[in-house]
Amino acid sequence: MLKVSYDCDIEQNMMEWLKLCKYAHSPYSVRNGWGQNLFMVDATKVNKTKVAPWSVRLWFEELAHNGVPQENVMTRKVFGRGIGHYSQVVWQNSNKIGCGIYWCEKMTYAGCEYSPAGNFIGATIYEIGEPCSKCDCEGCKCDEEDGLCTEPENPTKHKKDHRHDRHHRKHLEKETEKAHEKI
């Protein structure tokens, strides 16, 4: 699993959407195809340092409430359980994140965007295994403290990762869109 780094460009994109105060996912085109989690509190000017961990905790609690199967693969059935926020937070190929919180007139609005996006039907949420056992991108190293793989400054294509295979990605996107429409 790749270690996640914070990306200010992704944060800026997320903030632009939050400032519209529209509690709905932005179109994929507006967020460059990135994954997105949203959270809102039906109150204004809620302390931002409390909203941030609260939102992530609730996204992560989807696992405890709805679970995922042992094989840890995103299927239509699994997505339909209501685990999409959790799975995006832990998606193994998402290695950049940007988040924001905005005080709207009638709510406190929070969100994060992830690059590359997760939640693709037919893809593995994350591979279960020993820490750093599959650092399979060229130049990747193991961060011993976190047990996660770190990419070099200018990462090259992952050997076992289909996210760069356009045909495979298009297929997953179509399947994912179909699944999302049915839910």
N, C-alpha and C. Protein backbone atom coordinates (compact mmCIF):
# COMPACT_ATOMS: atom_id res chain seq x y z
N MET A 1 0.85 -1.18 0.00
CA MET A 1 0.00 0.00 0.00
C MET A 1 0.90 1.23 0.00
N LEU A 2 0.52 2.21 -0.81
CA LEU A 2 1.30 3.44 -0.91
C LEU A 2 0.99 4.40 0.23
N LYS A 3 2.01 5.04 0.71
CA LYS A 3 1.84 6.07 1.72
C LYS A 3 1.18 7.29 1.07
N VAL A 4 0.25 7.89 1.77
CA VAL A 4 -0.49 9.04 1.25
C VAL A 4 0.26 10.33 1.58
N SER A 5 0.29 11.25 0.61
CA SER A 5 0.87 12.57 0.87
C SER A 5 -0.20 13.63 0.61
N TYR A 6 -0.04 14.76 1.27
CA TYR A 6 -1.01 15.84 1.15
C TYR A 6 -0.69 16.66 -0.09
N ASP A 7 -1.74 17.06 -0.82
CA ASP A 7 -1.56 17.80 -2.06
C ASP A 7 -2.38 19.09 -2.01
N CYS A 8 -1.71 20.22 -2.03
CA CYS A 8 -2.38 21.52 -1.92
C CYS A 8 -3.24 21.85 -3.14
N ASP A 9 -2.88 21.35 -4.32
CA ASP A 9 -3.72 21.58 -5.51
C ASP A 9 -5.06 20.85 -5.36
N ILE A 10 -5.01 19.64 -4.82
CA ILE A 10 -6.25 18.89 -4.59
C ILE A 10 -7.07 19.60 -3.52
N GLU A 11 -6.41 20.10 -2.48
CA GLU A 11 -7.12 20.86 -1.44
C GLU A 11 -7.83 22.07 -2.05
N GLN A 12 -7.14 22.81 -2.90
CA GLN A 12 -7.73 23.99 -3.53
C GLN A 12 -8.97 23.62 -4.33
N ASN A 13 -8.89 22.52 -5.07
CA ASN A 13 -10.04 22.05 -5.84
C ASN A 13 -11.21 21.69 -4.92
N MET A 14 -10.90 21.02 -3.81
CA MET A 14 -11.94 20.65 -2.85
C MET A 14 -12.58 21.89 -2.26
N MET A 15 -11.76 22.88 -1.89
CA MET A 15 -12.28 24.11 -1.30
C MET A 15 -13.19 24.86 -2.27
N GLU A 16 -12.83 24.89 -3.54
CA GLU A 16 -13.67 25.57 -4.52
C GLU A 16 -15.06 24.95 -4.56
N TRP A 17 -15.14 23.62 -4.44
CA TRP A 17 -16.44 22.97 -4.44
C TRP A 17 -17.19 23.26 -3.13
N LEU A 18 -16.50 23.16 -2.00
CA LEU A 18 -17.16 23.39 -0.71
C LEU A 18 -17.75 24.79 -0.64
N LYS A 19 -17.07 25.76 -1.22
CA LYS A 19 -17.54 27.16 -1.17
C LYS A 19 -18.86 27.37 -1.91
N LEU A 20 -19.24 26.44 -2.75
CA LEU A 20 -20.53 26.53 -3.43
C LEU A 20 -21.68 26.16 -2.49
N CYS A 21 -21.34 25.52 -1.36
CA CYS A 21 -22.32 25.13 -0.33
C CYS A 21 -23.44 24.26 -0.90
N LYS A 22 -23.09 23.39 -1.82
CA LYS A 22 -24.02 22.44 -2.43
C LYS A 22 -23.66 21.06 -1.91
N TYR A 23 -24.50 20.50 -1.03
CA TYR A 23 -24.16 19.19 -0.47
C TYR A 23 -24.48 18.07 -1.46
N ALA A 24 -23.55 17.86 -2.36
CA ALA A 24 -23.64 16.81 -3.38
C ALA A 24 -22.24 16.65 -3.96
N HIS A 25 -21.95 15.45 -4.44
CA HIS A 25 -20.65 15.24 -5.06
C HIS A 25 -20.52 16.09 -6.31
N SER A 26 -19.34 16.64 -6.49
CA SER A 26 -19.07 17.40 -7.72
C SER A 26 -18.93 16.42 -8.88
N PRO A 27 -19.20 16.86 -10.11
CA PRO A 27 -19.00 15.98 -11.27
C PRO A 27 -17.52 15.55 -11.35
N TYR A 28 -17.29 14.34 -11.87
CA TYR A 28 -15.92 13.85 -12.01
C TYR A 28 -15.04 14.84 -12.75
N SER A 29 -15.60 15.49 -13.77
CA SER A 29 -14.80 16.43 -14.57
C SER A 29 -14.33 17.62 -13.73
N VAL A 30 -15.13 18.07 -12.79
CA VAL A 30 -14.76 19.20 -11.94
C VAL A 30 -13.64 18.81 -10.98
N ARG A 31 -13.60 17.55 -10.61
CA ARG A 31 -12.56 17.10 -9.68
C ARG A 31 -11.49 16.25 -10.36
N ASN A 32 -11.33 16.44 -11.64
CA ASN A 32 -10.26 15.77 -12.39
C ASN A 32 -10.30 14.25 -12.25
N GLY A 33 -11.49 13.70 -12.03
CA GLY A 33 -11.62 12.25 -11.87
C GLY A 33 -11.18 11.75 -10.51
N TRP A 34 -10.88 12.64 -9.59
CA TRP A 34 -10.44 12.23 -8.26
C TRP A 34 -11.62 11.68 -7.47
N GLY A 35 -11.32 10.83 -6.48
CA GLY A 35 -12.34 10.35 -5.56
C GLY A 35 -12.73 11.48 -4.62
N GLN A 36 -13.90 11.33 -3.98
CA GLN A 36 -14.36 12.43 -3.12
C GLN A 36 -15.23 11.88 -1.99
N ASN A 37 -14.99 12.36 -0.78
CA ASN A 37 -15.84 12.11 0.37
C ASN A 37 -16.33 13.44 0.89
N LEU A 38 -17.61 13.50 1.26
CA LEU A 38 -18.21 14.73 1.78
C LEU A 38 -18.83 14.47 3.14
N PHE A 39 -18.93 15.54 3.93
CA PHE A 39 -19.51 15.47 5.27
C PHE A 39 -20.09 16.83 5.59
N MET A 40 -21.22 16.84 6.28
CA MET A 40 -21.79 18.13 6.69
C MET A 40 -22.41 18.01 8.06
N VAL A 41 -22.35 19.13 8.77
CA VAL A 41 -23.00 19.27 10.06
C VAL A 41 -24.07 20.33 9.86
N ASP A 42 -25.26 20.02 10.30
CA ASP A 42 -26.40 20.92 10.11
C ASP A 42 -26.36 22.06 11.13
N ALA A 43 -25.23 22.70 11.21
CA ALA A 43 -25.03 23.85 12.11
C ALA A 43 -23.90 24.69 11.52
N THR A 44 -23.93 25.99 11.79
CA THR A 44 -22.90 26.85 11.23
C THR A 44 -21.75 27.06 12.20
N LYS A 45 -20.61 27.33 11.63
CA LYS A 45 -19.40 27.67 12.36
C LYS A 45 -19.03 26.67 13.45
N VAL A 46 -19.18 25.38 13.13
CA VAL A 46 -18.72 24.33 14.04
C VAL A 46 -17.20 24.35 14.01
N ASN A 47 -16.57 24.14 15.15
CA ASN A 47 -15.12 24.17 15.27
C ASN A 47 -14.48 23.23 14.24
N LYS A 48 -13.67 23.80 13.36
CA LYS A 48 -13.07 23.03 12.27
C LYS A 48 -12.13 21.94 12.77
N THR A 49 -11.47 22.18 13.90
CA THR A 49 -10.56 21.15 14.42
C THR A 49 -11.33 19.96 14.99
N LYS A 50 -12.61 20.12 15.20
CA LYS A 50 -13.45 18.99 15.62
C LYS A 50 -14.11 18.32 14.42
N VAL A 51 -14.47 19.11 13.42
CA VAL A 51 -15.14 18.57 12.24
C VAL A 51 -14.22 17.63 11.46
N ALA A 52 -12.95 17.98 11.34
CA ALA A 52 -12.02 17.16 10.54
C ALA A 52 -11.95 15.72 11.05
N PRO A 53 -11.60 15.48 12.32
CA PRO A 53 -11.53 14.08 12.76
C PRO A 53 -12.91 13.41 12.83
N TRP A 54 -13.94 14.19 13.10
CA TRP A 54 -15.30 13.66 13.16
C TRP A 54 -15.70 13.07 11.81
N SER A 55 -15.44 13.81 10.74
CA SER A 55 -15.80 13.33 9.40
C SER A 55 -15.05 12.05 9.06
N VAL A 56 -13.76 12.03 9.29
CA VAL A 56 -12.96 10.84 8.95
C VAL A 56 -13.41 9.65 9.79
N ARG A 57 -13.69 9.88 11.07
CA ARG A 57 -14.15 8.79 11.94
C ARG A 57 -15.46 8.19 11.41
N LEU A 58 -16.40 9.06 11.01
CA LEU A 58 -17.67 8.55 10.47
C LEU A 58 -17.48 7.80 9.16
N TRP A 59 -16.60 8.29 8.29
CA TRP A 59 -16.32 7.57 7.05
C TRP A 59 -15.75 6.20 7.37
N PHE A 60 -14.84 6.15 8.32
CA PHE A 60 -14.19 4.89 8.66
C PHE A 60 -15.14 3.93 9.36
N GLU A 61 -16.11 4.45 10.11
CA GLU A 61 -17.06 3.59 10.83
C GLU A 61 -17.95 2.78 9.89
N GLU A 62 -18.00 3.14 8.62
CA GLU A 62 -18.78 2.34 7.67
C GLU A 62 -18.29 0.89 7.66
N LEU A 63 -17.01 0.68 7.91
CA LEU A 63 -16.47 -0.68 7.96
C LEU A 63 -17.13 -1.46 9.09
N ALA A 64 -17.17 -0.89 10.29
CA ALA A 64 -17.74 -1.58 11.44
C ALA A 64 -19.24 -1.85 11.24
N HIS A 65 -19.93 -0.90 10.64
CA HIS A 65 -21.38 -1.04 10.46
C HIS A 65 -21.76 -1.95 9.30
N ASN A 66 -20.99 -1.92 8.22
CA ASN A 66 -21.40 -2.60 7.00
C ASN A 66 -20.45 -3.69 6.53
N GLY A 67 -19.20 -3.65 6.96
CA GLY A 67 -18.22 -4.67 6.63
C GLY A 67 -17.87 -4.80 5.16
N VAL A 68 -16.79 -5.51 4.92
CA VAL A 68 -16.39 -5.89 3.57
C VAL A 68 -16.03 -7.37 3.62
N PRO A 69 -16.17 -8.08 2.50
CA PRO A 69 -15.84 -9.50 2.50
C PRO A 69 -14.34 -9.73 2.64
N GLN A 70 -14.00 -10.94 3.03
CA GLN A 70 -12.61 -11.29 3.29
C GLN A 70 -11.69 -11.03 2.10
N GLU A 71 -12.19 -11.23 0.88
CA GLU A 71 -11.32 -11.03 -0.30
C GLU A 71 -11.04 -9.55 -0.57
N ASN A 72 -11.80 -8.65 0.06
CA ASN A 72 -11.52 -7.21 0.02
C ASN A 72 -11.57 -6.62 -1.39
N VAL A 73 -12.50 -7.10 -2.20
CA VAL A 73 -12.67 -6.62 -3.57
C VAL A 73 -13.96 -5.80 -3.65
N MET A 74 -13.90 -4.68 -4.37
CA MET A 74 -15.08 -3.83 -4.54
C MET A 74 -15.98 -4.44 -5.62
N THR A 75 -17.15 -4.84 -5.21
CA THR A 75 -18.16 -5.35 -6.13
C THR A 75 -19.39 -4.43 -6.02
N ARG A 76 -20.34 -4.63 -6.91
CA ARG A 76 -21.58 -3.84 -6.80
C ARG A 76 -22.25 -4.09 -5.46
N LYS A 77 -22.27 -5.35 -5.06
CA LYS A 77 -22.91 -5.72 -3.79
C LYS A 77 -22.19 -5.05 -2.62
N VAL A 78 -20.88 -5.09 -2.63
CA VAL A 78 -20.09 -4.47 -1.55
C VAL A 78 -20.33 -2.97 -1.53
N PHE A 79 -20.28 -2.33 -2.70
CA PHE A 79 -20.51 -0.88 -2.75
C PHE A 79 -21.91 -0.55 -2.26
N GLY A 80 -22.87 -1.40 -2.59
CA GLY A 80 -24.25 -1.20 -2.18
C GLY A 80 -24.47 -1.28 -0.68
N ARG A 81 -23.52 -1.83 0.05
CA ARG A 81 -23.62 -1.90 1.52
C ARG A 81 -23.45 -0.53 2.17
N GLY A 82 -22.96 0.43 1.42
CA GLY A 82 -22.72 1.75 2.00
C GLY A 82 -21.35 1.87 2.64
N ILE A 83 -20.33 1.40 1.94
CA ILE A 83 -18.97 1.49 2.47
C ILE A 83 -18.06 2.36 1.60
N GLY A 84 -18.65 3.13 0.69
CA GLY A 84 -17.87 3.91 -0.28
C GLY A 84 -16.96 4.96 0.32
N HIS A 85 -17.36 5.57 1.43
CA HIS A 85 -16.49 6.56 2.08
C HIS A 85 -15.29 5.85 2.71
N TYR A 86 -15.57 4.78 3.47
CA TYR A 86 -14.50 4.01 4.10
C TYR A 86 -13.51 3.51 3.05
N SER A 87 -14.05 2.87 2.00
CA SER A 87 -13.15 2.25 1.01
C SER A 87 -12.31 3.29 0.29
N GLN A 88 -12.83 4.50 0.07
CA GLN A 88 -12.02 5.54 -0.56
C GLN A 88 -10.90 5.99 0.37
N VAL A 89 -11.18 6.07 1.67
CA VAL A 89 -10.15 6.47 2.64
C VAL A 89 -8.98 5.49 2.62
N VAL A 90 -9.26 4.19 2.49
CA VAL A 90 -8.20 3.17 2.58
C VAL A 90 -7.78 2.61 1.23
N TRP A 91 -8.28 3.15 0.13
CA TRP A 91 -7.99 2.61 -1.21
C TRP A 91 -6.49 2.56 -1.45
N GLN A 92 -5.98 1.37 -1.78
CA GLN A 92 -4.53 1.16 -1.85
C GLN A 92 -3.80 2.00 -2.89
N ASN A 93 -4.45 2.40 -3.95
CA ASN A 93 -3.76 3.15 -4.99
C ASN A 93 -3.92 4.65 -4.87
N SER A 94 -4.75 5.11 -3.95
CA SER A 94 -4.91 6.55 -3.74
C SER A 94 -3.76 7.01 -2.85
N ASN A 95 -2.87 7.82 -3.39
CA ASN A 95 -1.70 8.22 -2.61
C ASN A 95 -1.55 9.73 -2.46
N LYS A 96 -2.57 10.47 -2.88
CA LYS A 96 -2.56 11.92 -2.67
C LYS A 96 -3.94 12.32 -2.17
N ILE A 97 -3.96 13.28 -1.25
CA ILE A 97 -5.22 13.73 -0.66
C ILE A 97 -5.18 15.24 -0.44
N GLY A 98 -6.33 15.85 -0.56
CA GLY A 98 -6.49 17.26 -0.23
C GLY A 98 -7.86 17.43 0.40
N CYS A 99 -7.94 18.15 1.50
CA CYS A 99 -9.20 18.28 2.24
C CYS A 99 -9.50 19.74 2.56
N GLY A 100 -10.74 19.99 2.92
CA GLY A 100 -11.12 21.34 3.31
C GLY A 100 -12.37 21.33 4.16
N ILE A 101 -12.59 22.44 4.85
CA ILE A 101 -13.80 22.66 5.64
C ILE A 101 -14.23 24.09 5.37
N TYR A 102 -15.53 24.27 5.17
CA TYR A 102 -16.04 25.60 4.86
C TYR A 102 -17.32 25.86 5.65
N TRP A 103 -17.43 27.06 6.20
CA TRP A 103 -18.64 27.46 6.91
C TRP A 103 -19.63 28.06 5.92
N CYS A 104 -20.68 27.34 5.63
CA CYS A 104 -21.75 27.83 4.76
C CYS A 104 -22.80 28.52 5.63
N GLU A 105 -23.77 29.13 5.00
CA GLU A 105 -24.81 29.86 5.73
C GLU A 105 -25.62 28.95 6.66
N LYS A 106 -25.87 27.69 6.21
CA LYS A 106 -26.73 26.80 7.00
C LYS A 106 -26.04 25.50 7.42
N MET A 107 -24.77 25.38 7.15
CA MET A 107 -24.08 24.14 7.52
C MET A 107 -22.57 24.36 7.58
N THR A 108 -21.90 23.43 8.23
CA THR A 108 -20.45 23.33 8.18
C THR A 108 -20.17 22.16 7.26
N TYR A 109 -19.39 22.41 6.23
CA TYR A 109 -19.23 21.48 5.11
C TYR A 109 -17.77 21.06 5.02
N ALA A 110 -17.53 19.76 4.97
CA ALA A 110 -16.17 19.23 4.90
C ALA A 110 -16.07 18.22 3.77
N GLY A 111 -14.87 18.07 3.25
CA GLY A 111 -14.67 17.07 2.20
C GLY A 111 -13.20 16.83 1.93
N CYS A 112 -12.94 15.68 1.34
CA CYS A 112 -11.59 15.31 0.90
C CYS A 112 -11.68 14.75 -0.51
N GLU A 113 -10.65 15.01 -1.29
CA GLU A 113 -10.52 14.41 -2.61
C GLU A 113 -9.24 13.59 -2.64
N TYR A 114 -9.28 12.51 -3.41
CA TYR A 114 -8.21 11.52 -3.43
C TYR A 114 -7.75 11.26 -4.86
N SER A 115 -6.43 11.17 -5.03
CA SER A 115 -5.88 10.88 -6.34
C SER A 115 -4.91 9.71 -6.24
N PRO A 116 -5.03 8.77 -7.16
CA PRO A 116 -6.14 8.58 -8.07
C PRO A 116 -7.38 8.10 -7.31
N ALA A 117 -8.54 8.22 -7.94
CA ALA A 117 -9.79 7.82 -7.32
C ALA A 117 -9.80 6.33 -7.01
N GLY A 118 -10.59 5.98 -6.03
CA GLY A 118 -10.81 4.57 -5.69
C GLY A 118 -12.22 4.15 -6.03
N ASN A 119 -12.66 3.09 -5.38
CA ASN A 119 -14.02 2.57 -5.51
C ASN A 119 -14.37 2.08 -6.91
N PHE A 120 -13.42 1.43 -7.57
CA PHE A 120 -13.69 0.85 -8.88
C PHE A 120 -14.19 -0.58 -8.73
N ILE A 121 -15.33 -0.86 -9.35
CA ILE A 121 -15.92 -2.19 -9.32
C ILE A 121 -14.93 -3.18 -9.95
N GLY A 122 -14.69 -4.27 -9.24
CA GLY A 122 -13.78 -5.30 -9.71
C GLY A 122 -12.35 -5.13 -9.24
N ALA A 123 -12.05 -4.03 -8.57
CA ALA A 123 -10.68 -3.77 -8.10
C ALA A 123 -10.57 -4.10 -6.61
N THR A 124 -9.35 -4.36 -6.18
CA THR A 124 -9.07 -4.64 -4.78
C THR A 124 -9.04 -3.33 -4.00
N ILE A 125 -9.71 -3.31 -2.84
CA ILE A 125 -9.70 -2.13 -1.99
C ILE A 125 -8.28 -1.91 -1.49
N TYR A 126 -7.71 -2.93 -0.88
CA TYR A 126 -6.28 -2.96 -0.55
C TYR A 126 -5.89 -4.41 -0.35
N GLU A 127 -4.65 -4.71 -0.70
CA GLU A 127 -4.17 -6.08 -0.53
C GLU A 127 -3.79 -6.30 0.92
N ILE A 128 -4.27 -7.40 1.46
CA ILE A 128 -3.97 -7.74 2.84
C ILE A 128 -2.65 -8.49 2.86
N GLY A 129 -1.74 -8.08 3.72
CA GLY A 129 -0.45 -8.74 3.80
C GLY A 129 0.47 -8.06 4.79
N GLU A 130 1.68 -8.51 4.81
CA GLU A 130 2.68 -7.94 5.71
C GLU A 130 3.03 -6.52 5.25
N PRO A 131 3.32 -5.63 6.18
CA PRO A 131 3.70 -4.25 5.81
C PRO A 131 4.87 -4.25 4.82
N CYS A 132 4.76 -3.44 3.81
CA CYS A 132 5.79 -3.23 2.78
C CYS A 132 6.14 -4.49 1.99
N SER A 133 5.30 -5.50 2.03
CA SER A 133 5.63 -6.74 1.32
C SER A 133 5.41 -6.63 -0.19
N LYS A 134 4.70 -5.60 -0.63
CA LYS A 134 4.44 -5.47 -2.07
C LYS A 134 4.72 -4.06 -2.56
N CYS A 135 5.88 -3.54 -2.27
CA CYS A 135 6.30 -2.23 -2.80
C CYS A 135 6.76 -2.49 -4.23
N ASP A 136 5.79 -2.58 -5.15
CA ASP A 136 6.09 -3.07 -6.49
C ASP A 136 6.18 -1.98 -7.56
N CYS A 137 6.48 -0.76 -7.16
CA CYS A 137 6.73 0.25 -8.19
C CYS A 137 8.23 0.53 -8.20
N GLU A 138 8.74 0.85 -9.36
CA GLU A 138 10.17 1.07 -9.51
C GLU A 138 10.62 2.24 -8.65
N GLY A 139 11.63 2.02 -7.84
CA GLY A 139 12.16 3.07 -6.99
C GLY A 139 11.43 3.24 -5.67
N CYS A 140 10.38 2.46 -5.45
CA CYS A 140 9.64 2.56 -4.18
C CYS A 140 10.49 2.00 -3.04
N LYS A 141 10.29 2.58 -1.88
CA LYS A 141 11.01 2.13 -0.69
C LYS A 141 10.01 1.92 0.42
N CYS A 142 10.39 1.13 1.38
CA CYS A 142 9.54 0.88 2.54
C CYS A 142 9.80 1.92 3.61
N ASP A 143 8.75 2.56 4.07
CA ASP A 143 8.83 3.44 5.23
C ASP A 143 8.62 2.53 6.44
N GLU A 144 9.71 2.12 7.06
CA GLU A 144 9.67 1.14 8.14
C GLU A 144 8.76 1.57 9.28
N GLU A 145 8.76 2.85 9.60
CA GLU A 145 7.96 3.35 10.72
C GLU A 145 6.46 3.16 10.48
N ASP A 146 6.01 3.46 9.25
CA ASP A 146 4.59 3.35 8.93
C ASP A 146 4.22 2.02 8.29
N GLY A 147 5.20 1.29 7.78
CA GLY A 147 4.91 0.03 7.10
C GLY A 147 4.24 0.23 5.75
N LEU A 148 4.49 1.38 5.13
CA LEU A 148 3.88 1.71 3.84
C LEU A 148 4.96 1.98 2.80
N CYS A 149 4.61 1.81 1.54
CA CYS A 149 5.54 2.06 0.45
C CYS A 149 5.53 3.54 0.09
N THR A 150 6.72 4.08 -0.16
CA THR A 150 6.82 5.47 -0.60
C THR A 150 7.35 5.49 -2.02
N GLU A 151 6.76 6.35 -2.84
CA GLU A 151 7.19 6.49 -4.22
C GLU A 151 8.34 7.48 -4.31
N PRO A 152 9.19 7.33 -5.34
CA PRO A 152 10.24 8.33 -5.56
C PRO A 152 9.61 9.65 -5.99
N GLU A 153 10.40 10.71 -6.02
CA GLU A 153 9.90 12.05 -6.41
C GLU A 153 9.11 12.02 -7.71
N ASN A 154 9.64 11.37 -8.73
CA ASN A 154 8.96 11.25 -10.03
C ASN A 154 8.62 9.78 -10.24
N PRO A 155 7.49 9.33 -9.68
CA PRO A 155 7.18 7.90 -9.73
C PRO A 155 6.97 7.39 -11.15
N THR A 156 7.41 6.15 -11.35
CA THR A 156 7.18 5.49 -12.63
C THR A 156 5.98 4.56 -12.48
N LYS A 157 5.58 4.01 -13.57
CA LYS A 157 4.39 3.17 -13.60
C LYS A 157 4.54 1.96 -12.67
N HIS A 158 3.46 1.64 -11.95
CA HIS A 158 3.42 0.45 -11.11
C HIS A 158 3.40 -0.79 -11.99
N LYS A 159 4.21 -1.77 -11.63
CA LYS A 159 4.27 -2.98 -12.43
C LYS A 159 2.97 -3.77 -12.36
N LYS A 160 2.38 -3.88 -11.18
CA LYS A 160 1.19 -4.71 -11.01
C LYS A 160 -0.07 -3.88 -10.86
N ASP A 161 -0.02 -2.65 -11.19
CA ASP A 161 -1.14 -1.74 -10.95
C ASP A 161 -1.79 -1.38 -12.28
N HIS A 162 -3.07 -1.69 -12.43
CA HIS A 162 -3.77 -1.44 -13.68
C HIS A 162 -4.27 -0.02 -13.82
N ARG A 163 -3.98 0.85 -12.87
CA ARG A 163 -4.54 2.20 -12.97
C ARG A 163 -3.98 2.96 -14.16
N HIS A 164 -2.83 2.53 -14.70
CA HIS A 164 -2.25 3.21 -15.85
C HIS A 164 -2.64 2.54 -17.17
N ASP A 165 -3.33 1.42 -17.09
CA ASP A 165 -3.77 0.71 -18.27
C ASP A 165 -5.11 1.30 -18.68
N ARG A 166 -5.12 2.13 -19.71
CA ARG A 166 -6.32 2.90 -20.10
C ARG A 166 -7.53 2.01 -20.38
N HIS A 167 -7.31 0.93 -21.09
CA HIS A 167 -8.44 0.05 -21.42
C HIS A 167 -9.05 -0.52 -20.15
N HIS A 168 -8.22 -1.03 -19.26
CA HIS A 168 -8.71 -1.61 -18.01
C HIS A 168 -9.41 -0.54 -17.17
N ARG A 169 -8.83 0.64 -17.10
CA ARG A 169 -9.42 1.72 -16.29
C ARG A 169 -10.78 2.14 -16.86
N LYS A 170 -10.89 2.27 -18.18
CA LYS A 170 -12.17 2.63 -18.81
C LYS A 170 -13.23 1.59 -18.47
N HIS A 171 -12.85 0.31 -18.53
CA HIS A 171 -13.79 -0.77 -18.20
C HIS A 171 -14.25 -0.63 -16.74
N LEU A 172 -13.32 -0.42 -15.84
CA LEU A 172 -13.67 -0.27 -14.43
C LEU A 172 -14.55 0.95 -14.21
N GLU A 173 -14.26 2.05 -14.91
CA GLU A 173 -15.07 3.26 -14.77
C GLU A 173 -16.51 3.02 -15.22
N LYS A 174 -16.69 2.31 -16.35
CA LYS A 174 -18.04 2.02 -16.84
C LYS A 174 -18.79 1.14 -15.84
N GLU A 175 -18.13 0.09 -15.34
CA GLU A 175 -18.76 -0.79 -14.37
C GLU A 175 -19.11 -0.03 -13.09
N THR A 176 -18.22 0.84 -12.67
CA THR A 176 -18.45 1.62 -11.46
C THR A 176 -19.62 2.57 -11.64
N GLU A 177 -19.69 3.25 -12.78
CA GLU A 177 -20.81 4.16 -13.04
C GLU A 177 -22.13 3.42 -13.02
N LYS A 178 -22.17 2.21 -13.61
CA LYS A 178 -23.40 1.41 -13.60
C LYS A 178 -23.80 1.08 -12.17
N ALA A 179 -22.83 0.69 -11.37
CA ALA A 179 -23.13 0.33 -9.97
C ALA A 179 -23.62 1.53 -9.19
N HIS A 180 -23.01 2.68 -9.39
CA HIS A 180 -23.41 3.88 -8.66
C HIS A 180 -24.81 4.33 -9.05
N GLU A 181 -25.19 4.13 -10.32
CA GLU A 181 -26.52 4.52 -10.78
C GLU A 181 -27.61 3.68 -10.12
N LYS A 182 -27.31 2.43 -9.81
CA LYS A 182 -28.30 1.52 -9.24
C LYS A 182 -28.48 1.72 -7.74
N ILE A 183 -27.59 2.47 -7.14
CA ILE A 183 -27.64 2.63 -5.68
C ILE A 183 -28.29 3.93 -5.31
